[in-house]
Every structure is written in structure tokens, then in C-alpha cells.
N, C-alpha and C. Protein backbone atom coordinates (compact mmCIF):
# COMPACT_ATOMS: atom_id res chain seq x y z
N MET A 1 -7.54 -16.30 -10.47
CA MET A 1 -6.50 -15.78 -10.24
C MET A 1 -5.10 -16.61 -10.12
N THR A 2 -4.54 -16.62 -11.17
CA THR A 2 -2.97 -17.59 -10.97
C THR A 2 -2.03 -16.91 -10.17
N PRO A 3 -1.03 -17.66 -9.64
CA PRO A 3 0.17 -17.09 -8.62
C PRO A 3 0.81 -16.14 -9.59
N LYS A 4 1.03 -16.41 -10.62
CA LYS A 4 1.48 -15.51 -11.78
C LYS A 4 1.20 -13.93 -11.65
N GLN A 5 -0.39 -14.12 -11.77
CA GLN A 5 -1.49 -13.01 -11.83
C GLN A 5 -1.01 -12.31 -10.40
N ARG A 6 -1.31 -12.95 -8.82
CA ARG A 6 -1.11 -12.57 -8.11
C ARG A 6 0.69 -11.75 -7.97
N LEU A 7 2.10 -12.36 -8.23
CA LEU A 7 2.83 -11.73 -8.04
C LEU A 7 3.09 -10.50 -9.00
N VAL A 8 2.35 -10.26 -9.97
CA VAL A 8 2.40 -9.04 -10.76
C VAL A 8 1.63 -8.08 -9.87
N TYR A 9 0.36 -8.47 -9.41
CA TYR A 9 -0.13 -7.33 -8.88
C TYR A 9 0.32 -7.00 -7.47
N SER A 10 0.95 -8.12 -6.88
CA SER A 10 1.78 -7.63 -5.22
C SER A 10 2.72 -6.87 -6.11
N LEU A 11 3.71 -6.95 -6.71
CA LEU A 11 4.62 -5.98 -7.58
C LEU A 11 4.13 -4.59 -7.50
N LEU A 12 3.03 -4.68 -8.13
CA LEU A 12 2.25 -3.18 -8.53
C LEU A 12 2.29 -2.68 -7.46
N ILE A 13 1.62 -3.11 -6.40
CA ILE A 13 0.71 -2.73 -5.06
C ILE A 13 1.95 -2.10 -4.14
N ALA A 14 3.10 -2.95 -4.31
CA ALA A 14 4.39 -2.32 -3.76
C ALA A 14 4.85 -1.58 -4.20
N LEU A 15 4.78 -1.15 -5.41
CA LEU A 15 5.42 0.03 -6.18
C LEU A 15 4.23 1.21 -5.72
N VAL A 16 2.77 1.15 -5.69
CA VAL A 16 2.14 2.16 -5.57
C VAL A 16 2.04 2.58 -4.11
N VAL A 17 2.53 1.37 -3.11
CA VAL A 17 2.81 1.86 -1.56
C VAL A 17 3.68 2.58 -1.57
N LEU A 18 4.83 2.51 -2.57
CA LEU A 18 5.93 3.16 -2.20
C LEU A 18 5.89 4.66 -2.54
N GLY A 19 5.32 4.76 -3.52
CA GLY A 19 4.82 6.11 -4.22
C GLY A 19 3.90 6.98 -3.45
N ILE A 20 2.92 6.34 -2.54
CA ILE A 20 2.14 6.76 -1.74
C ILE A 20 3.17 7.45 -0.50
N MET A 21 4.03 6.54 0.06
CA MET A 21 4.46 6.56 1.08
C MET A 21 5.83 7.87 0.55
N PHE A 22 6.30 8.04 -0.27
CA PHE A 22 7.14 8.96 -0.72
C PHE A 22 6.68 10.34 -0.94
N GLY A 23 5.32 10.41 -1.63
CA GLY A 23 4.50 11.40 -1.37
C GLY A 23 4.10 11.93 0.02
N LEU A 24 3.60 10.86 0.94
CA LEU A 24 3.33 11.52 2.59
C LEU A 24 4.75 12.20 2.98
N SER A 25 5.57 11.43 2.85
CA SER A 25 6.73 11.80 3.41
C SER A 25 7.20 13.15 3.11
N TYR A 26 7.03 13.65 1.80
CA TYR A 26 7.10 14.82 0.98
C TYR A 26 6.48 15.75 1.30
N LEU A 27 4.67 15.44 1.67
CA LEU A 27 4.22 16.40 2.19
C LEU A 27 4.16 16.73 3.55
N GLN A 28 4.95 15.72 4.27
CA GLN A 28 5.07 16.28 5.59
C GLN A 28 6.44 17.19 5.91
N ASN A 29 7.54 16.95 5.21
CA ASN A 29 8.42 17.68 5.29
C ASN A 29 8.26 18.60 4.55
N THR A 30 7.29 19.45 3.71
CA THR A 30 6.89 20.46 3.15
C THR A 30 6.18 21.56 4.38
N GLY A 31 5.68 20.33 5.50
CA GLY A 31 4.78 21.26 6.37
C GLY A 31 3.45 20.95 5.94
N VAL A 32 2.95 20.13 5.06
CA VAL A 32 1.27 20.64 4.71
C VAL A 32 0.75 19.40 5.41
N ILE A 33 1.36 18.64 6.13
CA ILE A 33 0.44 17.82 6.73
C ILE A 33 1.37 17.34 8.27
N THR A 34 0.70 17.25 9.14
CA THR A 34 1.87 17.13 10.05
C THR A 34 2.08 15.43 10.46
N GLU A 35 2.96 15.63 11.49
CA GLU A 35 3.44 13.88 11.81
C GLU A 35 2.25 12.79 12.53
N LYS A 36 1.34 13.41 13.04
CA LYS A 36 0.44 12.92 13.62
C LYS A 36 -0.53 12.39 12.14
N THR A 37 -0.72 13.17 11.58
CA THR A 37 -1.50 12.76 10.19
C THR A 37 -0.91 11.72 9.40
N PHE A 38 0.26 11.99 9.14
CA PHE A 38 1.25 11.29 8.55
C PHE A 38 1.25 9.59 9.04
N GLN A 39 1.17 9.49 10.75
CA GLN A 39 1.32 8.49 11.22
C GLN A 39 -0.15 7.15 10.64
N TYR A 40 -1.29 8.39 10.85
CA TYR A 40 -2.71 7.71 10.21
C TYR A 40 -3.07 7.57 9.32
N LEU A 41 -2.14 8.17 8.25
CA LEU A 41 -2.55 7.69 6.66
C LEU A 41 -1.59 6.47 6.23
N ALA A 42 -0.30 6.54 6.98
CA ALA A 42 0.44 5.39 6.69
C ALA A 42 0.01 4.06 7.47
N ILE A 43 -0.84 3.90 8.37
CA ILE A 43 -1.40 2.81 9.01
C ILE A 43 -2.71 2.93 8.22
N GLY A 44 -3.49 3.56 7.86
CA GLY A 44 -4.56 3.36 6.90
C GLY A 44 -4.04 2.50 5.28
N VAL A 45 -2.73 3.21 5.03
CA VAL A 45 -2.24 2.40 3.65
C VAL A 45 -2.13 1.27 3.95
N ALA A 46 -1.27 0.77 4.93
CA ALA A 46 -0.82 -0.68 5.23
C ALA A 46 -2.15 -1.85 5.77
N VAL A 47 -3.12 -1.12 6.19
CA VAL A 47 -4.41 -1.93 6.53
C VAL A 47 -4.77 -2.23 5.13
N VAL A 48 -5.18 -1.24 4.18
CA VAL A 48 -5.72 -1.55 2.88
C VAL A 48 -5.02 -2.79 2.29
N VAL A 49 -3.60 -2.21 2.60
CA VAL A 49 -2.70 -3.30 1.75
C VAL A 49 -2.61 -4.66 2.17
N VAL A 50 -3.22 -5.18 3.41
CA VAL A 50 -3.05 -6.17 4.14
C VAL A 50 -4.71 -6.46 3.38
N VAL A 51 -5.64 -6.02 3.60
CA VAL A 51 -7.00 -6.37 2.97
C VAL A 51 -6.73 -7.21 1.82
N ILE A 52 -6.15 -6.36 0.66
CA ILE A 52 -6.12 -6.82 -0.44
C ILE A 52 -5.20 -7.81 -0.80
N ASN A 53 -4.45 -8.21 0.00
CA ASN A 53 -3.35 -9.23 0.01
C ASN A 53 -3.91 -10.19 0.46
N GLY A 54 -4.70 -10.02 1.58
CA GLY A 54 -5.90 -11.53 1.85
C GLY A 54 -6.91 -11.88 0.94
N VAL A 55 -7.80 -10.82 0.16
CA VAL A 55 -8.38 -11.01 -1.09
C VAL A 55 -7.90 -11.66 -2.32
N MET A 56 -6.43 -11.39 -2.18
CA MET A 56 -5.71 -11.95 -3.02
C MET A 56 -5.43 -13.17 -3.36
N ARG A 57 -5.12 -13.14 -2.05
CA ARG A 57 -4.60 -15.06 -1.47
C ARG A 57 -5.71 -16.01 -1.44
N ARG A 58 -6.99 -15.73 -1.17
CA ARG A 58 -8.32 -16.09 -1.29
C ARG A 58 -8.34 -16.70 -2.54
N LYS A 59 -8.26 -15.46 -3.55
CA LYS A 59 -9.04 -16.11 -4.84
C LYS A 59 -7.73 -16.70 -5.77
N THR A 60 -6.44 -17.06 -5.19
CA THR A 60 -5.47 -17.79 -5.77
C THR A 60 -5.92 -19.17 -6.09
N LYS A 61 -5.67 -19.86 -7.29
CA LYS A 61 -6.24 -20.87 -7.50
C LYS A 61 -4.86 -21.70 -7.92
N PHE A 62 -4.20 -22.75 -7.25
CA PHE A 62 -3.00 -23.56 -7.65
C PHE A 62 -3.63 -24.58 -8.54
């Protein structure tokens, strides 16, 4: 993976996470999920993103 590819994937991941967080926020505001569920899901999304970023960093060749 080149640094340019990593940048593209990082931007894509950021947009996906933004969409997920807006979706979770909407679900919480409409009463579908509770505040505690929102927190657990947000933490889960953050952990997954950190793991993906670590894997991409290891695969980046300079």
C-alpha cells in the first residue's frame, strides 16, 4: 500500500465513521437506542477504526 492509497482509505474511513455516528445520533434522538447503547457502539466503532489504521500503517511501503 502506498502512502497515497493510505490517504484515500483514511479519508474514506473518516467519512464512513462520520456517517455511522450521525446514524447512531439519529437513532438515539428518535428513541430507538439508549444513551448507554450509543456509547458502547461509538466505542466499538472507535476501536475498529484504530485497528484498521494500525493495519494500514504496517502495510504502507515508502
